[in-house]
Amino acid sequence: MSDPLISPELPQLVETAADGPRGGPSYTYRGAVIDCLKGGYVCRLRMDGHPLDGHSFGAAGTITPLVDLWVDEKRLPGYMRLVPKAGR
């Protein structure tokens, strides 16, 4: 039986480079790679199988909930809808 006072460790955003491929910090988080522009305010998600792989958003902290929802439930937030690219 687990001790109710000891909570499981939460996933952490880990900086892998201060100057990554897009000129800003790069991170890993639950199997995803997050590469930011200089300043760290616009970041790209790279995660095989994630429907938003290759898309850019705000800061890394706005991407981590999208990764959590995908890893835990294989879905996107209700306010997001995927539109297939032409020719698919």
C-alpha atoms as a PDB file:
ATOM      1  CA  MET A   1       0.000   0.000   0.000  1.00  0.00           C
ATOM      2  CA  SER A   2       1.333   3.445  -0.852  1.00  0.00           C
ATOM      3  CA  ASP A   3       1.839   6.136   1.731  1.00  0.00           C
ATOM      4  CA  PRO A   4      -0.798   8.895   1.198  1.00  0.00           C
ATOM      5  CA  LEU A   5       1.685  11.527   2.383  1.00  0.00           C
ATOM      6  CA  ILE A   6       4.142  10.709  -0.401  1.00  0.00           C
ATOM      7  CA  SER A   7       2.903  11.945  -3.761  1.00  0.00           C
ATOM      8  CA  PRO A   8       4.289  10.615  -7.034  1.00  0.00           C
ATOM      9  CA  GLU A   9       6.875  12.821  -8.689  1.00  0.00           C
ATOM     10  CA  LEU A  10       5.386  15.124 -11.305  1.00  0.00           C
ATOM     11  CA  PRO A  11       6.933  15.297 -14.790  1.00  0.00           C
ATOM     12  CA  GLN A  12       9.488  18.070 -15.119  1.00  0.00           C
ATOM     13  CA  LEU A  13      10.363  20.358 -18.008  1.00  0.00           C
ATOM     14  CA  VAL A  14      14.114  19.820 -18.486  1.00  0.00           C
ATOM     15  CA  GLU A  15      16.251  22.392 -20.301  1.00  0.00           C
ATOM     16  CA  THR A  16      18.575  20.608 -22.730  1.00  0.00           C
ATOM     17  CA  ALA A  17      20.191  23.677 -24.337  1.00  0.00           C
ATOM     18  CA  ALA A  18      20.271  27.387 -23.624  1.00  0.00           C
ATOM     19  CA  ASP A  19      20.747  28.096 -27.349  1.00  0.00           C
ATOM     20  CA  GLY A  20      18.889  25.379 -29.210  1.00  0.00           C
ATOM     21  CA  PRO A  21      18.183  24.969 -32.946  1.00  0.00           C
ATOM     22  CA  ARG A  22      15.765  27.927 -33.029  1.00  0.00           C
ATOM     23  CA  GLY A  23      18.092  30.302 -31.154  1.00  0.00           C
ATOM     24  CA  GLY A  24      16.447  30.037 -27.749  1.00  0.00           C
ATOM     25  CA  PRO A  25      16.185  27.398 -25.049  1.00  0.00           C
ATOM     26  CA  SER A  26      15.289  23.788 -25.833  1.00  0.00           C
ATOM     27  CA  TYR A  27      13.561  21.404 -23.459  1.00  0.00           C
ATOM     28  CA  THR A  28      12.389  17.827 -23.137  1.00  0.00           C
ATOM     29  CA  TYR A  29       9.119  16.904 -21.476  1.00  0.00           C
ATOM     30  CA  ARG A  30       7.466  13.468 -21.360  1.00  0.00           C
ATOM     31  CA  GLY A  31       8.934  12.368 -24.684  1.00  0.00           C
ATOM     32  CA  ALA A  32       8.442  15.716 -26.413  1.00  0.00           C
ATOM     33  CA  VAL A  33      11.082  18.179 -27.532  1.00  0.00           C
ATOM     34  CA  ILE A  34      10.231  21.858 -27.207  1.00  0.00           C
ATOM     35  CA  ASP A  35      12.453  24.281 -29.151  1.00  0.00           C
ATOM     36  CA  CYS A  36      12.002  28.014 -28.567  1.00  0.00           C
ATOM     37  CA  LEU A  37      12.939  31.158 -30.409  1.00  0.00           C
ATOM     38  CA  LYS A  38      15.304  33.579 -28.707  1.00  0.00           C
ATOM     39  CA  GLY A  39      13.539  34.924 -25.626  1.00  0.00           C
ATOM     40  CA  GLY A  40      11.594  31.700 -25.106  1.00  0.00           C
ATOM     41  CA  TYR A  41       8.155  33.164 -25.866  1.00  0.00           C
ATOM     42  CA  VAL A  42       7.393  31.226 -29.066  1.00  0.00           C
ATOM     43  CA  CYS A  43       8.147  27.514 -28.987  1.00  0.00           C
ATOM     44  CA  ARG A  44       7.672  24.559 -31.328  1.00  0.00           C
ATOM     45  CA  LEU A  45       6.420  21.153 -30.212  1.00  0.00           C
ATOM     46  CA  ARG A  46       8.124  18.082 -31.641  1.00  0.00           C
ATOM     47  CA  MET A  47       6.563  14.786 -30.615  1.00  0.00           C
ATOM     48  CA  ASP A  48       6.071  11.820 -32.923  1.00  0.00           C
ATOM     49  CA  GLY A  49       2.416  10.871 -33.107  1.00  0.00           C
ATOM     50  CA  HIS A  50       1.128  14.077 -31.518  1.00  0.00           C
ATOM     51  CA  PRO A  51      -1.360  15.799 -33.838  1.00  0.00           C
ATOM     52  CA  LEU A  52       0.315  19.166 -33.178  1.00  0.00           C
ATOM     53  CA  ASP A  53       3.843  17.929 -33.944  1.00  0.00           C
ATOM     54  CA  GLY A  54       5.766  20.737 -35.658  1.00  0.00           C
ATOM     55  CA  HIS A  55       3.384  23.528 -34.603  1.00  0.00           C
ATOM     56  CA  SER A  56       4.515  26.608 -32.702  1.00  0.00           C
ATOM     57  CA  PHE A  57       2.731  28.090 -29.700  1.00  0.00           C
ATOM     58  CA  GLY A  58       3.578  30.404 -26.837  1.00  0.00           C
ATOM     59  CA  ALA A  59       6.098  29.697 -24.097  1.00  0.00           C
ATOM     60  CA  ALA A  60       7.097  26.152 -23.136  1.00  0.00           C
ATOM     61  CA  GLY A  61       4.656  26.228 -20.226  1.00  0.00           C
ATOM     62  CA  THR A  62       1.739  26.541 -22.656  1.00  0.00           C
ATOM     63  CA  ILE A  63       2.855  23.402 -24.501  1.00  0.00           C
ATOM     64  CA  THR A  64       3.314  21.072 -21.535  1.00  0.00           C
ATOM     65  CA  PRO A  65      -0.454  20.752 -20.813  1.00  0.00           C
ATOM     66  CA  LEU A  66      -0.974  19.711 -24.454  1.00  0.00           C
ATOM     67  CA  VAL A  67       1.678  17.020 -24.032  1.00  0.00           C
ATOM     68  CA  ASP A  68       0.136  15.869 -20.733  1.00  0.00           C
ATOM     69  CA  LEU A  69      -3.318  15.522 -22.246  1.00  0.00           C
ATOM     70  CA  TRP A  70      -1.961  13.610 -25.230  1.00  0.00           C
ATOM     71  CA  VAL A  71       0.229  11.246 -23.191  1.00  0.00           C
ATOM     72  CA  ASP A  72      -2.443  10.601 -20.565  1.00  0.00           C
ATOM     73  CA  GLU A  73      -5.620  10.552 -22.677  1.00  0.00           C
ATOM     74  CA  LYS A  74      -4.624  10.661 -26.382  1.00  0.00           C
ATOM     75  CA  ARG A  75      -6.723  13.746 -26.975  1.00  0.00           C
ATOM     76  CA  LEU A  76      -6.532  17.492 -27.431  1.00  0.00           C
ATOM     77  CA  PRO A  77      -8.372  20.086 -25.328  1.00  0.00           C
ATOM     78  CA  GLY A  78     -12.032  20.550 -26.275  1.00  0.00           C
ATOM     79  CA  TYR A  79     -11.371  24.041 -27.638  1.00  0.00           C
ATOM     80  CA  MET A  80      -8.916  22.684 -30.256  1.00  0.00           C
ATOM     81  CA  ARG A  81     -10.025  21.046 -33.466  1.00  0.00           C
ATOM     82  CA  LEU A  82      -7.797  19.480 -36.066  1.00  0.00           C
ATOM     83  CA  VAL A  83      -8.309  20.453 -39.660  1.00  0.00           C
ATOM     84  CA  PRO A  84      -6.767  17.970 -42.100  1.00  0.00           C
ATOM     85  CA  LYS A  85      -4.250  19.420 -44.546  1.00  0.00           C
ATOM     86  CA  ALA A  86      -5.322  19.510 -48.156  1.00  0.00           C
ATOM     87  CA  GLY A  87      -4.555  16.286 -49.977  1.00  0.00           C
ATOM     88  CA  ARG A  88      -4.785  14.042 -46.927  1.00  0.00           C
END
